[in-house]
Amino acid sequence: MRNGSEKMKKQTAGRDNLGTFAPKFAELNDDVLFGEVWSRETELSPRDRSMITVAALISGGNFEQLLTHLVIAKTNGVTKAEIAEVITHLAFYVGWPKAWSAFNRAKEIFLD
């Protein structure tokens, strides 16, 4: 987990994947979402932001983005036990099939 003196890695996924096709979206993704919002660590820790983001992605069925955010969550200190509890809890609110899909993605990242 990062300590207070470390800076979040500069995000370039938007520009790398959509820079020439959708430059404004890429800019907003990299500079605003990840550059400004995710850097507000006084308001919410990266760990908490990760758990919220993972929950939102699962709730919306956005499994394409989930894998990347599970990696970020693990990097930000979320444990296998915590992610399993988050998904189990969400199953009752967002649906059993979404939970199964999320568990299959989480198993890829949170190996023993």
PDB file of N, CA and C in Angstrom:
ATOM      1  N   MET A   1       0.842  -1.172   0.000  1.00  0.00           N
ATOM      2  CA  MET A   1       0.000   0.000   0.000  1.00  0.00           C
ATOM      3  C   MET A   1       0.887   1.234   0.000  1.00  0.00           C
ATOM      4  N   ARG A   2       0.383   2.276  -0.634  1.00  0.00           N
ATOM      5  CA  ARG A   2       1.172   3.498  -0.707  1.00  0.00           C
ATOM      6  C   ARG A   2       1.132   4.223   0.625  1.00  0.00           C
ATOM      7  N   ASN A   3       2.235   4.901   0.922  1.00  0.00           N
ATOM      8  CA  ASN A   3       2.198   5.749   2.108  1.00  0.00           C
ATOM      9  C   ASN A   3       1.954   7.185   1.672  1.00  0.00           C
ATOM     10  N   GLY A   4       1.836   8.087   2.611  1.00  0.00           N
ATOM     11  CA  GLY A   4       1.461   9.457   2.312  1.00  0.00           C
ATOM     12  C   GLY A   4       2.431  10.212   1.432  1.00  0.00           C
ATOM     13  N   SER A   5       3.685   9.781   1.347  1.00  0.00           N
ATOM     14  CA  SER A   5       4.670  10.522   0.567  1.00  0.00           C
ATOM     15  C   SER A   5       4.716  10.086  -0.894  1.00  0.00           C
ATOM     16  N   GLU A   6       4.057   8.986  -1.226  1.00  0.00           N
ATOM     17  CA  GLU A   6       4.075   8.512  -2.597  1.00  0.00           C
ATOM     18  C   GLU A   6       3.003   9.210  -3.413  1.00  0.00           C
ATOM     19  N   LYS A   7       3.302   9.480  -4.666  1.00  0.00           N
ATOM     20  CA  LYS A   7       2.336  10.079  -5.570  1.00  0.00           C
ATOM     21  C   LYS A   7       1.720   8.969  -6.419  1.00  0.00           C
ATOM     22  N   MET A   8       0.442   9.152  -6.750  1.00  0.00           N
ATOM     23  CA  MET A   8      -0.229   8.196  -7.610  1.00  0.00           C
ATOM     24  C   MET A   8       0.419   8.225  -8.988  1.00  0.00           C
ATOM     25  N   LYS A   9       0.573   7.064  -9.568  1.00  0.00           N
ATOM     26  CA  LYS A   9       1.170   6.943 -10.892  1.00  0.00           C
ATOM     27  C   LYS A   9       0.310   7.692 -11.912  1.00  0.00           C
ATOM     28  N   LYS A  10       0.957   8.457 -12.798  1.00  0.00           N
ATOM     29  CA  LYS A  10       0.243   9.211 -13.828  1.00  0.00           C
ATOM     30  C   LYS A  10      -0.486   8.240 -14.754  1.00  0.00           C
ATOM     31  N   GLN A  11      -1.770   8.457 -14.898  1.00  0.00           N
ATOM     32  CA  GLN A  11      -2.612   7.612 -15.735  1.00  0.00           C
ATOM     33  C   GLN A  11      -2.497   8.027 -17.193  1.00  0.00           C
ATOM     34  N   THR A  12      -2.279   7.053 -18.068  1.00  0.00           N
ATOM     35  CA  THR A  12      -2.210   7.335 -19.501  1.00  0.00           C
ATOM     36  C   THR A  12      -3.100   6.403 -20.321  1.00  0.00           C
ATOM     37  N   ALA A  13      -3.923   5.601 -19.654  1.00  0.00           N
ATOM     38  CA  ALA A  13      -4.752   4.619 -20.374  1.00  0.00           C
ATOM     39  C   ALA A  13      -5.685   5.284 -21.378  1.00  0.00           C
ATOM     40  N   GLY A  14      -6.252   6.418 -21.007  1.00  0.00           N
ATOM     41  CA  GLY A  14      -7.141   7.112 -21.935  1.00  0.00           C
ATOM     42  C   GLY A  14      -6.429   7.524 -23.206  1.00  0.00           C
ATOM     43  N   ARG A  15      -5.294   8.168 -23.040  1.00  0.00           N
ATOM     44  CA  ARG A  15      -4.536   8.603 -24.220  1.00  0.00           C
ATOM     45  C   ARG A  15      -3.972   7.421 -24.993  1.00  0.00           C
ATOM     46  N   ASP A  16      -3.535   6.396 -24.264  1.00  0.00           N
ATOM     47  CA  ASP A  16      -2.976   5.214 -24.923  1.00  0.00           C
ATOM     48  C   ASP A  16      -4.023   4.498 -25.780  1.00  0.00           C
ATOM     49  N   ASN A  17      -5.252   4.409 -25.281  1.00  0.00           N
ATOM     50  CA  ASN A  17      -6.286   3.628 -25.960  1.00  0.00           C
ATOM     51  C   ASN A  17      -7.230   4.450 -26.830  1.00  0.00           C
ATOM     52  N   LEU A  18      -7.453   5.708 -26.479  1.00  0.00           N
ATOM     53  CA  LEU A  18      -8.443   6.507 -27.194  1.00  0.00           C
ATOM     54  C   LEU A  18      -7.938   7.878 -27.621  1.00  0.00           C
ATOM     55  N   GLY A  19      -6.668   8.136 -27.413  1.00  0.00           N
ATOM     56  CA  GLY A  19      -6.122   9.470 -27.657  1.00  0.00           C
ATOM     57  C   GLY A  19      -6.395  10.056 -29.022  1.00  0.00           C
ATOM     58  N   THR A  20      -6.257   9.268 -30.065  1.00  0.00           N
ATOM     59  CA  THR A  20      -6.502   9.806 -31.407  1.00  0.00           C
ATOM     60  C   THR A  20      -7.971   9.700 -31.805  1.00  0.00           C
ATOM     61  N   PHE A  21      -8.693   8.746 -31.234  1.00  0.00           N
ATOM     62  CA  PHE A  21     -10.102   8.544 -31.586  1.00  0.00           C
ATOM     63  C   PHE A  21     -11.021   9.491 -30.812  1.00  0.00           C
ATOM     64  N   ALA A  22     -10.755   9.645 -29.523  1.00  0.00           N
ATOM     65  CA  ALA A  22     -11.590  10.483 -28.656  1.00  0.00           C
ATOM     66  C   ALA A  22     -10.689  11.262 -27.696  1.00  0.00           C
ATOM     67  N   PRO A  23      -9.964  12.254 -28.211  1.00  0.00           N
ATOM     68  CA  PRO A  23      -8.972  12.942 -27.392  1.00  0.00           C
ATOM     69  C   PRO A  23      -9.536  13.638 -26.155  1.00  0.00           C
ATOM     70  N   LYS A  24     -10.715  14.211 -26.237  1.00  0.00           N
ATOM     71  CA  LYS A  24     -11.280  14.894 -25.067  1.00  0.00           C
ATOM     72  C   LYS A  24     -11.623  13.881 -23.979  1.00  0.00           C
ATOM     73  N   PHE A  25     -12.236  12.757 -24.355  1.00  0.00           N
ATOM     74  CA  PHE A  25     -12.546  11.707 -23.390  1.00  0.00           C
ATOM     75  C   PHE A  25     -11.265  11.196 -22.743  1.00  0.00           C
ATOM     76  N   ALA A  26     -10.231  10.986 -23.553  1.00  0.00           N
ATOM     77  CA  ALA A  26      -8.942  10.520 -23.030  1.00  0.00           C
ATOM     78  C   ALA A  26      -8.374  11.521 -22.030  1.00  0.00           C
ATOM     79  N   GLU A  27      -8.471  12.800 -22.354  1.00  0.00           N
ATOM     80  CA  GLU A  27      -7.991  13.847 -21.445  1.00  0.00           C
ATOM     81  C   GLU A  27      -8.773  13.828 -20.129  1.00  0.00           C
ATOM     82  N   LEU A  28     -10.091  13.748 -20.208  1.00  0.00           N
ATOM     83  CA  LEU A  28     -10.919  13.718 -19.005  1.00  0.00           C
ATOM     84  C   LEU A  28     -10.617  12.492 -18.152  1.00  0.00           C
ATOM     85  N   ASN A  29     -10.438  11.347 -18.796  1.00  0.00           N
ATOM     86  CA  ASN A  29     -10.106  10.114 -18.076  1.00  0.00           C
ATOM     87  C   ASN A  29      -8.782  10.256 -17.341  1.00  0.00           C
ATOM     88  N   ASP A  30      -7.761  10.659 -18.053  1.00  0.00           N
ATOM     89  CA  ASP A  30      -6.412  10.685 -17.487  1.00  0.00           C
ATOM     90  C   ASP A  30      -6.181  11.855 -16.538  1.00  0.00           C
ATOM     91  N   ASP A  31      -6.631  13.041 -16.936  1.00  0.00           N
ATOM     92  CA  ASP A  31      -6.305  14.245 -16.172  1.00  0.00           C
ATOM     93  C   ASP A  31      -7.334  14.583 -15.088  1.00  0.00           C
ATOM     94  N   VAL A  32      -8.598  14.388 -15.391  1.00  0.00           N
ATOM     95  CA  VAL A  32      -9.624  14.761 -14.418  1.00  0.00           C
ATOM     96  C   VAL A  32      -9.943  13.584 -13.496  1.00  0.00           C
ATOM     97  N   LEU A  33     -10.435  12.485 -14.061  1.00  0.00           N
ATOM     98  CA  LEU A  33     -10.829  11.355 -13.211  1.00  0.00           C
ATOM     99  C   LEU A  33      -9.646  10.826 -12.400  1.00  0.00           C
ATOM    100  N   PHE A  34      -8.583  10.428 -13.097  1.00  0.00           N
ATOM    101  CA  PHE A  34      -7.449   9.844 -12.377  1.00  0.00           C
ATOM    102  C   PHE A  34      -6.468  10.894 -11.875  1.00  0.00           C
ATOM    103  N   GLY A  35      -6.349  12.009 -12.557  1.00  0.00           N
ATOM    104  CA  GLY A  35      -5.415  13.033 -12.132  1.00  0.00           C
ATOM    105  C   GLY A  35      -5.910  13.894 -10.984  1.00  0.00           C
ATOM    106  N   GLU A  36      -7.193  14.248 -11.006  1.00  0.00           N
ATOM    107  CA  GLU A  36      -7.739  15.126  -9.969  1.00  0.00           C
ATOM    108  C   GLU A  36      -8.585  14.377  -8.940  1.00  0.00           C
ATOM    109  N   VAL A  37      -9.559  13.617  -9.385  1.00  0.00           N
ATOM    110  CA  VAL A  37     -10.480  12.973  -8.449  1.00  0.00           C
ATOM    111  C   VAL A  37      -9.767  11.912  -7.617  1.00  0.00           C
ATOM    112  N   TRP A  38      -9.043  11.011  -8.258  1.00  0.00           N
ATOM    113  CA  TRP A  38      -8.359   9.943  -7.520  1.00  0.00           C
ATOM    114  C   TRP A  38      -7.243  10.480  -6.638  1.00  0.00           C
ATOM    115  N   SER A  39      -6.746  11.671  -6.891  1.00  0.00           N
ATOM    116  CA  SER A  39      -5.651  12.212  -6.079  1.00  0.00           C
ATOM    117  C   SER A  39      -6.154  12.916  -4.816  1.00  0.00           C
ATOM    118  N   ARG A  40      -7.442  12.992  -4.614  1.00  0.00           N
ATOM    119  CA  ARG A  40      -8.017  13.662  -3.440  1.00  0.00           C
ATOM    120  C   ARG A  40      -7.972  12.721  -2.233  1.00  0.00           C
ATOM    121  N   GLU A  41      -6.775  12.399  -1.794  1.00  0.00           N
ATOM    122  CA  GLU A  41      -6.566  11.398  -0.751  1.00  0.00           C
ATOM    123  C   GLU A  41      -6.933  11.894   0.638  1.00  0.00           C
ATOM    124  N   THR A  42      -7.059  13.193   0.830  1.00  0.00           N
ATOM    125  CA  THR A  42      -7.503  13.718   2.122  1.00  0.00           C
ATOM    126  C   THR A  42      -8.982  13.410   2.325  1.00  0.00           C
ATOM    127  N   GLU A  43      -9.743  13.457   1.242  1.00  0.00           N
ATOM    128  CA  GLU A  43     -11.182  13.215   1.307  1.00  0.00           C
ATOM    129  C   GLU A  43     -11.517  11.723   1.389  1.00  0.00           C
ATOM    130  N   LEU A  44     -10.864  10.900   0.590  1.00  0.00           N
ATOM    131  CA  LEU A  44     -11.029   9.443   0.599  1.00  0.00           C
ATOM    132  C   LEU A  44      -9.692   8.809   0.253  1.00  0.00           C
ATOM    133  N   SER A  45      -9.353   7.766   0.965  1.00  0.00           N
ATOM    134  CA  SER A  45      -8.096   7.075   0.671  1.00  0.00           C
ATOM    135  C   SER A  45      -8.213   6.318  -0.658  1.00  0.00           C
ATOM    136  N   PRO A  46      -7.085   6.048  -1.307  1.00  0.00           N
ATOM    137  CA  PRO A  46      -7.125   5.242  -2.532  1.00  0.00           C
ATOM    138  C   PRO A  46      -7.786   3.874  -2.293  1.00  0.00           C
ATOM    139  N   ARG A  47      -7.566   3.286  -1.130  1.00  0.00           N
ATOM    140  CA  ARG A  47      -8.175   2.000  -0.789  1.00  0.00           C
ATOM    141  C   ARG A  47      -9.699   2.112  -0.786  1.00  0.00           C
ATOM    142  N   ASP A  48     -10.217   3.146  -0.131  1.00  0.00           N
ATOM    143  CA  ASP A  48     -11.666   3.346  -0.090  1.00  0.00           C
ATOM    144  C   ASP A  48     -12.219   3.650  -1.472  1.00  0.00           C
ATOM    145  N   ARG A  49     -11.534   4.484  -2.233  1.00  0.00           N
ATOM    146  CA  ARG A  49     -11.976   4.779  -3.600  1.00  0.00           C
ATOM    147  C   ARG A  49     -12.020   3.507  -4.435  1.00  0.00           C
ATOM    148  N   SER A  50     -11.037   2.634  -4.238  1.00  0.00           N
ATOM    149  CA  SER A  50     -11.019   1.377  -4.979  1.00  0.00           C
ATOM    150  C   SER A  50     -12.221   0.513  -4.641  1.00  0.00           C
ATOM    151  N   MET A  51     -12.542   0.387  -3.354  1.00  0.00           N
ATOM    152  CA  MET A  51     -13.678  -0.451  -2.977  1.00  0.00           C
ATOM    153  C   MET A  51     -14.989   0.142  -3.512  1.00  0.00           C
ATOM    154  N   ILE A  52     -15.120   1.447  -3.477  1.00  0.00           N
ATOM    155  CA  ILE A  52     -16.315   2.097  -4.016  1.00  0.00           C
ATOM    156  C   ILE A  52     -16.397   1.881  -5.526  1.00  0.00           C
ATOM    157  N   THR A  53     -15.287   2.047  -6.213  1.00  0.00           N
ATOM    158  CA  THR A  53     -15.254   1.893  -7.662  1.00  0.00           C
ATOM    159  C   THR A  53     -15.574   0.464  -8.067  1.00  0.00           C
ATOM    160  N   VAL A  54     -14.964  -0.505  -7.387  1.00  0.00           N
ATOM    161  CA  VAL A  54     -15.239  -1.912  -7.682  1.00  0.00           C
ATOM    162  C   VAL A  54     -16.722  -2.205  -7.465  1.00  0.00           C
ATOM    163  N   ALA A  55     -17.285  -1.725  -6.371  1.00  0.00           N
ATOM    164  CA  ALA A  55     -18.705  -1.946  -6.093  1.00  0.00           C
ATOM    165  C   ALA A  55     -19.577  -1.329  -7.194  1.00  0.00           C
ATOM    166  N   ALA A  56     -19.231  -0.135  -7.624  1.00  0.00           N
ATOM    167  CA  ALA A  56     -20.009   0.529  -8.675  1.00  0.00           C
ATOM    168  C   ALA A  56     -19.917  -0.233  -9.992  1.00  0.00           C
ATOM    169  N   LEU A  57     -18.733  -0.706 -10.329  1.00  0.00           N
ATOM    170  CA  LEU A  57     -18.568  -1.451 -11.580  1.00  0.00           C
ATOM    171  C   LEU A  57     -19.355  -2.754 -11.559  1.00  0.00           C
ATOM    172  N   ILE A  58     -19.308  -3.456 -10.430  1.00  0.00           N
ATOM    173  CA  ILE A  58     -20.072  -4.696 -10.301  1.00  0.00           C
ATOM    174  C   ILE A  58     -21.561  -4.394 -10.400  1.00  0.00           C
ATOM    175  N   SER A  59     -22.010  -3.371  -9.700  1.00  0.00           N
ATOM    176  CA  SER A  59     -23.426  -2.998  -9.706  1.00  0.00           C
ATOM    177  C   SER A  59     -23.927  -2.708 -11.110  1.00  0.00           C
ATOM    178  N   GLY A  60     -23.103  -2.049 -11.890  1.00  0.00           N
ATOM    179  CA  GLY A  60     -23.483  -1.706 -13.253  1.00  0.00           C
ATOM    180  C   GLY A  60     -23.234  -2.802 -14.264  1.00  0.00           C
ATOM    181  N   GLY A  61     -22.615  -3.901 -13.823  1.00  0.00           N
ATOM    182  CA  GLY A  61     -22.287  -4.975 -14.755  1.00  0.00           C
ATOM    183  C   GLY A  61     -21.168  -4.618 -15.714  1.00  0.00           C
ATOM    184  N   ASN A  62     -20.295  -3.718 -15.300  1.00  0.00           N
ATOM    185  CA  ASN A  62     -19.189  -3.243 -16.147  1.00  0.00           C
ATOM    186  C   ASN A  62     -17.944  -4.092 -15.927  1.00  0.00           C
ATOM    187  N   PHE A  63     -18.009  -5.329 -16.383  1.00  0.00           N
ATOM    188  CA  PHE A  63     -16.947  -6.286 -16.089  1.00  0.00           C
ATOM    189  C   PHE A  63     -15.695  -6.081 -16.938  1.00  0.00           C
ATOM    190  N   GLU A  64     -15.813  -5.376 -18.056  1.00  0.00           N
ATOM    191  CA  GLU A  64     -14.618  -5.069 -18.852  1.00  0.00           C
ATOM    192  C   GLU A  64     -13.661  -4.177 -18.065  1.00  0.00           C
ATOM    193  N   GLN A  65     -14.196  -3.208 -17.339  1.00  0.00           N
ATOM    194  CA  GLN A  65     -13.382  -2.308 -16.547  1.00  0.00           C
ATOM    195  C   GLN A  65     -13.026  -2.889 -15.180  1.00  0.00           C
ATOM    196  N   LEU A  66     -13.774  -3.895 -14.727  1.00  0.00           N
ATOM    197  CA  LEU A  66     -13.596  -4.438 -13.385  1.00  0.00           C
ATOM    198  C   LEU A  66     -12.209  -5.018 -13.170  1.00  0.00           C
ATOM    199  N   LEU A  67     -11.687  -5.753 -14.128  1.00  0.00           N
ATOM    200  CA  LEU A  67     -10.393  -6.410 -13.951  1.00  0.00           C
ATOM    201  C   LEU A  67      -9.297  -5.392 -13.617  1.00  0.00           C
ATOM    202  N   THR A  68      -9.241  -4.318 -14.370  1.00  0.00           N
ATOM    203  CA  THR A  68      -8.245  -3.274 -14.117  1.00  0.00           C
ATOM    204  C   THR A  68      -8.418  -2.672 -12.727  1.00  0.00           C
ATOM    205  N   HIS A  69      -9.656  -2.440 -12.339  1.00  0.00           N
ATOM    206  CA  HIS A  69      -9.884  -1.825 -11.033  1.00  0.00           C
ATOM    207  C   HIS A  69      -9.668  -2.795  -9.880  1.00  0.00           C
ATOM    208  N   LEU A  70      -9.785  -4.086 -10.129  1.00  0.00           N
ATOM    209  CA  LEU A  70      -9.415  -5.056  -9.099  1.00  0.00           C
ATOM    210  C   LEU A  70      -7.901  -5.035  -8.874  1.00  0.00           C
ATOM    211  N   VAL A  71      -7.142  -4.888  -9.931  1.00  0.00           N
ATOM    212  CA  VAL A  71      -5.682  -4.763  -9.811  1.00  0.00           C
ATOM    213  C   VAL A  71      -5.346  -3.508  -9.015  1.00  0.00           C
ATOM    214  N   ILE A  72      -5.992  -2.401  -9.348  1.00  0.00           N
ATOM    215  CA  ILE A  72      -5.756  -1.147  -8.621  1.00  0.00           C
ATOM    216  C   ILE A  72      -6.143  -1.323  -7.158  1.00  0.00           C
ATOM    217  N   ALA A  73      -7.268  -1.987  -6.904  1.00  0.00           N
ATOM    218  CA  ALA A  73      -7.715  -2.206  -5.520  1.00  0.00           C
ATOM    219  C   ALA A  73      -6.681  -3.008  -4.736  1.00  0.00           C
ATOM    220  N   LYS A  74      -6.166  -4.055  -5.336  1.00  0.00           N
ATOM    221  CA  LYS A  74      -5.151  -4.867  -4.657  1.00  0.00           C
ATOM    222  C   LYS A  74      -3.911  -4.026  -4.369  1.00  0.00           C
ATOM    223  N   THR A  75      -3.482  -3.236  -5.333  1.00  0.00           N
ATOM    224  CA  THR A  75      -2.342  -2.342  -5.151  1.00  0.00           C
ATOM    225  C   THR A  75      -2.605  -1.337  -4.027  1.00  0.00           C
ATOM    226  N   ASN A  76      -3.866  -0.916  -3.907  1.00  0.00           N
ATOM    227  CA  ASN A  76      -4.234   0.062  -2.890  1.00  0.00           C
ATOM    228  C   ASN A  76      -4.529  -0.574  -1.537  1.00  0.00           C
ATOM    229  N   GLY A  77      -4.260  -1.867  -1.384  1.00  0.00           N
ATOM    230  CA  GLY A  77      -4.345  -2.505  -0.075  1.00  0.00           C
ATOM    231  C   GLY A  77      -5.601  -3.297   0.217  1.00  0.00           C
ATOM    232  N   VAL A  78      -6.509  -3.420  -0.738  1.00  0.00           N
ATOM    233  CA  VAL A  78      -7.704  -4.232  -0.519  1.00  0.00           C
ATOM    234  C   VAL A  78      -7.279  -5.702  -0.540  1.00  0.00           C
ATOM    235  N   THR A  79      -7.722  -6.461   0.452  1.00  0.00           N
ATOM    236  CA  THR A  79      -7.329  -7.860   0.581  1.00  0.00           C
ATOM    237  C   THR A  79      -8.317  -8.791  -0.116  1.00  0.00           C
ATOM    238  N   LYS A  80      -7.892 -10.027  -0.294  1.00  0.00           N
ATOM    239  CA  LYS A  80      -8.764 -11.046  -0.872  1.00  0.00           C
ATOM    240  C   LYS A  80     -10.020 -11.224  -0.023  1.00  0.00           C
ATOM    241  N   ALA A  81      -9.855 -11.274   1.292  1.00  0.00           N
ATOM    242  CA  ALA A  81     -11.004 -11.435   2.185  1.00  0.00           C
ATOM    243  C   ALA A  81     -11.974 -10.262   2.057  1.00  0.00           C
ATOM    244  N   GLU A  82     -11.436  -9.059   1.935  1.00  0.00           N
ATOM    245  CA  GLU A  82     -12.301  -7.888   1.810  1.00  0.00           C
ATOM    246  C   GLU A  82     -13.053  -7.879   0.487  1.00  0.00           C
ATOM    247  N   ILE A  83     -12.365  -8.222  -0.603  1.00  0.00           N
ATOM    248  CA  ILE A  83     -13.043  -8.198  -1.902  1.00  0.00           C
ATOM    249  C   ILE A  83     -14.108  -9.289  -1.955  1.00  0.00           C
ATOM    250  N   ALA A  84     -13.829 -10.440  -1.329  1.00  0.00           N
ATOM    251  CA  ALA A  84     -14.833 -11.505  -1.266  1.00  0.00           C
ATOM    252  C   ALA A  84     -16.053 -11.049  -0.475  1.00  0.00           C
ATOM    253  N   GLU A  85     -15.826 -10.328   0.606  1.00  0.00           N
ATOM    254  CA  GLU A  85     -16.945  -9.817   1.418  1.00  0.00           C
ATOM    255  C   GLU A  85     -17.736  -8.757   0.664  1.00  0.00           C
ATOM    256  N   VAL A  86     -17.060  -7.880  -0.048  1.00  0.00           N
ATOM    257  CA  VAL A  86     -17.745  -6.858  -0.849  1.00  0.00           C
ATOM    258  C   VAL A  86     -18.651  -7.526  -1.880  1.00  0.00           C
ATOM    259  N   ILE A  87     -18.118  -8.496  -2.602  1.00  0.00           N
ATOM    260  CA  ILE A  87     -18.897  -9.155  -3.655  1.00  0.00           C
ATOM    261  C   ILE A  87     -20.053  -9.946  -3.056  1.00  0.00           C
ATOM    262  N   THR A  88     -19.810 -10.637  -1.955  1.00  0.00           N
ATOM    263  CA  THR A  88     -20.883 -11.382  -1.296  1.00  0.00           C
ATOM    264  C   THR A  88     -22.000 -10.440  -0.865  1.00  0.00           C
ATOM    265  N   HIS A  89     -21.644  -9.332  -0.264  1.00  0.00           N
ATOM    266  CA  HIS A  89     -22.634  -8.351   0.174  1.00  0.00           C
ATOM    267  C   HIS A  89     -23.426  -7.811  -1.024  1.00  0.00           C
ATOM    268  N   LEU A  90     -22.719  -7.473  -2.092  1.00  0.00           N
ATOM    269  CA  LEU A  90     -23.375  -6.919  -3.274  1.00  0.00           C
ATOM    270  C   LEU A  90     -24.320  -7.911  -3.936  1.00  0.00           C
ATOM    271  N   ALA A  91     -24.046  -9.201  -3.820  1.00  0.00           N
ATOM    272  CA  ALA A  91     -24.876 -10.212  -4.474  1.00  0.00           C
ATOM    273  C   ALA A  91     -26.352 -10.039  -4.136  1.00  0.00           C
ATOM    274  N   PHE A  92     -26.636  -9.653  -2.912  1.00  0.00           N
ATOM    275  CA  PHE A  92     -28.024  -9.501  -2.474  1.00  0.00           C
ATOM    276  C   PHE A  92     -28.675  -8.222  -2.987  1.00  0.00           C
ATOM    277  N   TYR A  93     -27.883  -7.288  -3.442  1.00  0.00           N
ATOM    278  CA  TYR A  93     -28.412  -6.011  -3.911  1.00  0.00           C
ATOM    279  C   TYR A  93     -28.380  -5.863  -5.430  1.00  0.00           C
ATOM    280  N   VAL A  94     -27.401  -6.481  -6.076  1.00  0.00           N
ATOM    281  CA  VAL A  94     -27.248  -6.278  -7.517  1.00  0.00           C
ATOM    282  C   VAL A  94     -27.497  -7.535  -8.329  1.00  0.00           C
ATOM    283  N   GLY A  95     -27.598  -8.672  -7.665  1.00  0.00           N
ATOM    284  CA  GLY A  95     -27.925  -9.912  -8.368  1.00  0.00           C
ATOM    285  C   GLY A  95     -26.832 -10.960  -8.287  1.00  0.00           C
ATOM    286  N   TRP A  96     -27.290 -12.175  -8.159  1.00  0.00           N
ATOM    287  CA  TRP A  96     -26.396 -13.331  -8.047  1.00  0.00           C
ATOM    288  C   TRP A  96     -25.492 -13.498  -9.271  1.00  0.00           C
ATOM    289  N   PRO A  97     -26.035 -13.379 -10.498  1.00  0.00           N
ATOM    290  CA  PRO A  97     -25.164 -13.540 -11.679  1.00  0.00           C
ATOM    291  C   PRO A  97     -24.024 -12.517 -11.730  1.00  0.00           C
ATOM    292  N   LYS A  98     -24.293 -11.285 -11.332  1.00  0.00           N
ATOM    293  CA  LYS A  98     -23.228 -10.280 -11.313  1.00  0.00           C
ATOM    294  C   LYS A  98     -22.160 -10.659 -10.293  1.00  0.00           C
ATOM    295  N   ALA A  99     -22.595 -11.201  -9.162  1.00  0.00           N
ATOM    296  CA  ALA A  99     -21.628 -11.630  -8.143  1.00  0.00           C
ATOM    297  C   ALA A  99     -20.764 -12.764  -8.673  1.00  0.00           C
ATOM    298  N   TRP A 100     -21.373 -13.738  -9.318  1.00  0.00           N
ATOM    299  CA  TRP A 100     -20.585 -14.836  -9.906  1.00  0.00           C
ATOM    300  C   TRP A 100     -19.554 -14.291 -10.894  1.00  0.00           C
ATOM    301  N   SER A 101     -19.991 -13.390 -11.752  1.00  0.00           N
ATOM    302  CA  SER A 101     -19.063 -12.812 -12.735  1.00  0.00           C
ATOM    303  C   SER A 101     -17.940 -12.054 -12.046  1.00  0.00           C
ATOM    304  N   ALA A 102     -18.280 -11.310 -11.008  1.00  0.00           N
ATOM    305  CA  ALA A 102     -17.265 -10.554 -10.270  1.00  0.00           C
ATOM    306  C   ALA A 102     -16.284 -11.488  -9.568  1.00  0.00           C
ATOM    307  N   PHE A 103     -16.794 -12.564  -8.966  1.00  0.00           N
ATOM    308  CA  PHE A 103     -15.898 -13.524  -8.323  1.00  0.00           C
ATOM    309  C   PHE A 103     -14.934 -14.137  -9.328  1.00  0.00           C
ATOM    310  N   ASN A 104     -15.419 -14.441 -10.520  1.00  0.00           N
ATOM    311  CA  ASN A 104     -14.524 -15.013 -11.539  1.00  0.00           C
ATOM    312  C   ASN A 104     -13.411 -14.041 -11.906  1.00  0.00           C
ATOM    313  N   ARG A 105     -13.715 -12.743 -11.969  1.00  0.00           N
ATOM    314  CA  ARG A 105     -12.673 -11.748 -12.241  1.00  0.00           C
ATOM    315  C   ARG A 105     -11.746 -11.617 -11.031  1.00  0.00           C
ATOM    316  N   ALA A 106     -12.311 -11.553  -9.839  1.00  0.00           N
ATOM    317  CA  ALA A 106     -11.501 -11.363  -8.630  1.00  0.00           C
ATOM    318  C   ALA A 106     -10.532 -12.520  -8.421  1.00  0.00           C
ATOM    319  N   LYS A 107     -10.945 -13.735  -8.741  1.00  0.00           N
ATOM    320  CA  LYS A 107     -10.058 -14.896  -8.583  1.00  0.00           C
ATOM    321  C   LYS A 107      -8.814 -14.766  -9.458  1.00  0.00           C
ATOM    322  N   GLU A 108      -8.927 -14.063 -10.576  1.00  0.00           N
ATOM    323  CA  GLU A 108      -7.788 -13.858 -11.462  1.00  0.00           C
ATOM    324  C   GLU A 108      -6.735 -12.948 -10.823  1.00  0.00           C
ATOM    325  N   ILE A 109      -7.170 -12.061  -9.951  1.00  0.00           N
ATOM    326  CA  ILE A 109      -6.279 -11.057  -9.358  1.00  0.00           C
ATOM    327  C   ILE A 109      -5.850 -11.426  -7.947  1.00  0.00           C
ATOM    328  N   PHE A 110      -6.775 -11.899  -7.146  1.00  0.00           N
ATOM    329  CA  PHE A 110      -6.508 -12.175  -5.730  1.00  0.00           C
ATOM    330  C   PHE A 110      -6.222 -13.660  -5.532  1.00  0.00           C
ATOM    331  N   LEU A 111      -5.122 -14.109  -6.094  1.00  0.00           N
ATOM    332  CA  LEU A 111      -4.710 -15.505  -5.948  1.00  0.00           C
ATOM    333  C   LEU A 111      -4.106 -15.724  -4.575  1.00  0.00           C
ATOM    334  N   ASP A 112      -4.193 -16.955  -4.080  1.00  0.00           N
ATOM    335  CA  ASP A 112      -3.577 -17.285  -2.780  1.00  0.00           C
ATOM    336  C   ASP A 112      -2.076 -17.152  -2.833  1.00  0.00           C
TER     337      ASP A 112
END
